[in-house]
Amino acid sequence: MKEIFIETEYIRMDQLLKYANIAGTGGEAKILIKQGLVKVNGEIVTQRGKKIRNRDIVEVNGIKIKIKNENN
């Protein structure tokens, strides 16, 4: 499982996918999300502006990413 560290309270789903190099552009991120290929904590999420917070686990195409807030 890959860990991504953020310095803020949350990161938006589309921003996370770009930051983690899952999607090359915001457009690619939007497509992945709208197609139902992204899960947050085991549930499919189709909101690209979904707030991803500390300890959330995001999964895309078998790649799991755990979010860690450097302040927590």
C-alpha atoms as a PDB file:
ATOM      1  CA  MET A   1       0.000   0.000   0.000  1.00  0.00           C
ATOM      2  CA  LYS A   2       1.301   3.399  -1.016  1.00  0.00           C
ATOM      3  CA  GLU A   3       1.191   6.204   1.554  1.00  0.00           C
ATOM      4  CA  ILE A   4       0.549   9.824   0.595  1.00  0.00           C
ATOM      5  CA  PHE A   5       1.321  12.564   3.085  1.00  0.00           C
ATOM      6  CA  ILE A   6      -0.707  15.764   3.063  1.00  0.00           C
ATOM      7  CA  GLU A   7      -0.150  18.916   5.088  1.00  0.00           C
ATOM      8  CA  THR A   8      -3.752  20.110   4.990  1.00  0.00           C
ATOM      9  CA  GLU A   9      -6.906  18.779   6.648  1.00  0.00           C
ATOM     10  CA  TYR A  10      -8.038  17.162   3.395  1.00  0.00           C
ATOM     11  CA  ILE A  11      -7.318  16.809  -0.317  1.00  0.00           C
ATOM     12  CA  ARG A  12      -9.951  16.633  -3.045  1.00  0.00           C
ATOM     13  CA  MET A  13     -10.297  13.304  -4.819  1.00  0.00           C
ATOM     14  CA  ASP A  14      -9.314  14.626  -8.258  1.00  0.00           C
ATOM     15  CA  GLN A  15      -6.269  16.402  -6.813  1.00  0.00           C
ATOM     16  CA  LEU A  16      -5.196  13.230  -4.999  1.00  0.00           C
ATOM     17  CA  LEU A  17      -5.321  11.143  -8.163  1.00  0.00           C
ATOM     18  CA  LYS A  18      -3.050  13.626  -9.919  1.00  0.00           C
ATOM     19  CA  TYR A  19      -0.730  13.998  -6.898  1.00  0.00           C
ATOM     20  CA  ALA A  20      -0.369  10.210  -6.575  1.00  0.00           C
ATOM     21  CA  ASN A  21       0.348   9.878 -10.336  1.00  0.00           C
ATOM     22  CA  ILE A  22      -2.754   7.735 -10.881  1.00  0.00           C
ATOM     23  CA  ALA A  23      -4.085  10.283 -13.375  1.00  0.00           C
ATOM     24  CA  GLY A  24      -1.976  12.557 -15.536  1.00  0.00           C
ATOM     25  CA  THR A  25      -4.557  15.329 -15.758  1.00  0.00           C
ATOM     26  CA  GLY A  26      -7.700  16.526 -14.060  1.00  0.00           C
ATOM     27  CA  GLY A  27      -9.641  15.233 -17.059  1.00  0.00           C
ATOM     28  CA  GLU A  28      -8.245  11.732 -16.597  1.00  0.00           C
ATOM     29  CA  ALA A  29      -9.088  11.869 -12.896  1.00  0.00           C
ATOM     30  CA  LYS A  30     -12.648  12.945 -13.696  1.00  0.00           C
ATOM     31  CA  ILE A  31     -13.100   9.995 -16.073  1.00  0.00           C
ATOM     32  CA  LEU A  32     -11.783   7.452 -13.550  1.00  0.00           C
ATOM     33  CA  ILE A  33     -14.092   8.834 -10.882  1.00  0.00           C
ATOM     34  CA  LYS A  34     -17.198   9.093 -13.096  1.00  0.00           C
ATOM     35  CA  GLN A  35     -16.689   5.513 -14.365  1.00  0.00           C
ATOM     36  CA  GLY A  36     -16.907   4.250 -10.772  1.00  0.00           C
ATOM     37  CA  LEU A  37     -13.318   2.988 -10.727  1.00  0.00           C
ATOM     38  CA  VAL A  38     -12.392   4.762  -7.475  1.00  0.00           C
ATOM     39  CA  LYS A  39     -13.188   3.464  -4.006  1.00  0.00           C
ATOM     40  CA  VAL A  40     -12.776   5.296  -0.711  1.00  0.00           C
ATOM     41  CA  ASN A  41     -12.696   3.067   2.355  1.00  0.00           C
ATOM     42  CA  GLY A  42     -14.174   0.231   0.283  1.00  0.00           C
ATOM     43  CA  GLU A  43     -17.077   2.188  -1.248  1.00  0.00           C
ATOM     44  CA  ILE A  44     -17.307   3.462  -4.829  1.00  0.00           C
ATOM     45  CA  VAL A  45     -17.241   7.255  -4.957  1.00  0.00           C
ATOM     46  CA  THR A  46     -18.298   9.271  -8.002  1.00  0.00           C
ATOM     47  CA  GLN A  47     -17.784  12.784  -6.583  1.00  0.00           C
ATOM     48  CA  ARG A  48     -14.559  14.255  -7.897  1.00  0.00           C
ATOM     49  CA  GLY A  49     -14.609  16.940  -5.192  1.00  0.00           C
ATOM     50  CA  LYS A  50     -14.927  14.359  -2.391  1.00  0.00           C
ATOM     51  CA  LYS A  51     -12.749  15.375   0.550  1.00  0.00           C
ATOM     52  CA  ILE A  52     -10.159  12.723   1.359  1.00  0.00           C
ATOM     53  CA  ARG A  53      -8.870  12.948   4.919  1.00  0.00           C
ATOM     54  CA  ASN A  54      -6.284  11.429   7.233  1.00  0.00           C
ATOM     55  CA  ARG A  55      -6.422   7.611   7.342  1.00  0.00           C
ATOM     56  CA  ASP A  56      -8.754   7.289   4.337  1.00  0.00           C
ATOM     57  CA  ILE A  57      -7.829   4.505   1.941  1.00  0.00           C
ATOM     58  CA  VAL A  58      -8.365   5.156  -1.753  1.00  0.00           C
ATOM     59  CA  GLU A  59      -8.270   2.311  -4.273  1.00  0.00           C
ATOM     60  CA  VAL A  60      -8.029   2.638  -8.044  1.00  0.00           C
ATOM     61  CA  ASN A  61      -7.476  -0.329 -10.369  1.00  0.00           C
ATOM     62  CA  GLY A  62      -6.018  -2.432  -7.547  1.00  0.00           C
ATOM     63  CA  ILE A  63      -3.695   0.341  -6.318  1.00  0.00           C
ATOM     64  CA  LYS A  64      -4.318   1.260  -2.692  1.00  0.00           C
ATOM     65  CA  ILE A  65      -3.317   4.620  -1.256  1.00  0.00           C
ATOM     66  CA  LYS A  66      -3.442   5.488   2.446  1.00  0.00           C
ATOM     67  CA  ILE A  67      -3.688   9.172   3.316  1.00  0.00           C
ATOM     68  CA  LYS A  68      -1.633  10.473   6.200  1.00  0.00           C
ATOM     69  CA  ASN A  69      -1.758  13.967   7.621  1.00  0.00           C
ATOM     70  CA  GLU A  70       1.677  15.000   8.807  1.00  0.00           C
ATOM     71  CA  ASN A  71       0.102  16.796  11.770  1.00  0.00           C
ATOM     72  CA  ASN A  72      -1.721  13.683  13.057  1.00  0.00           C
END
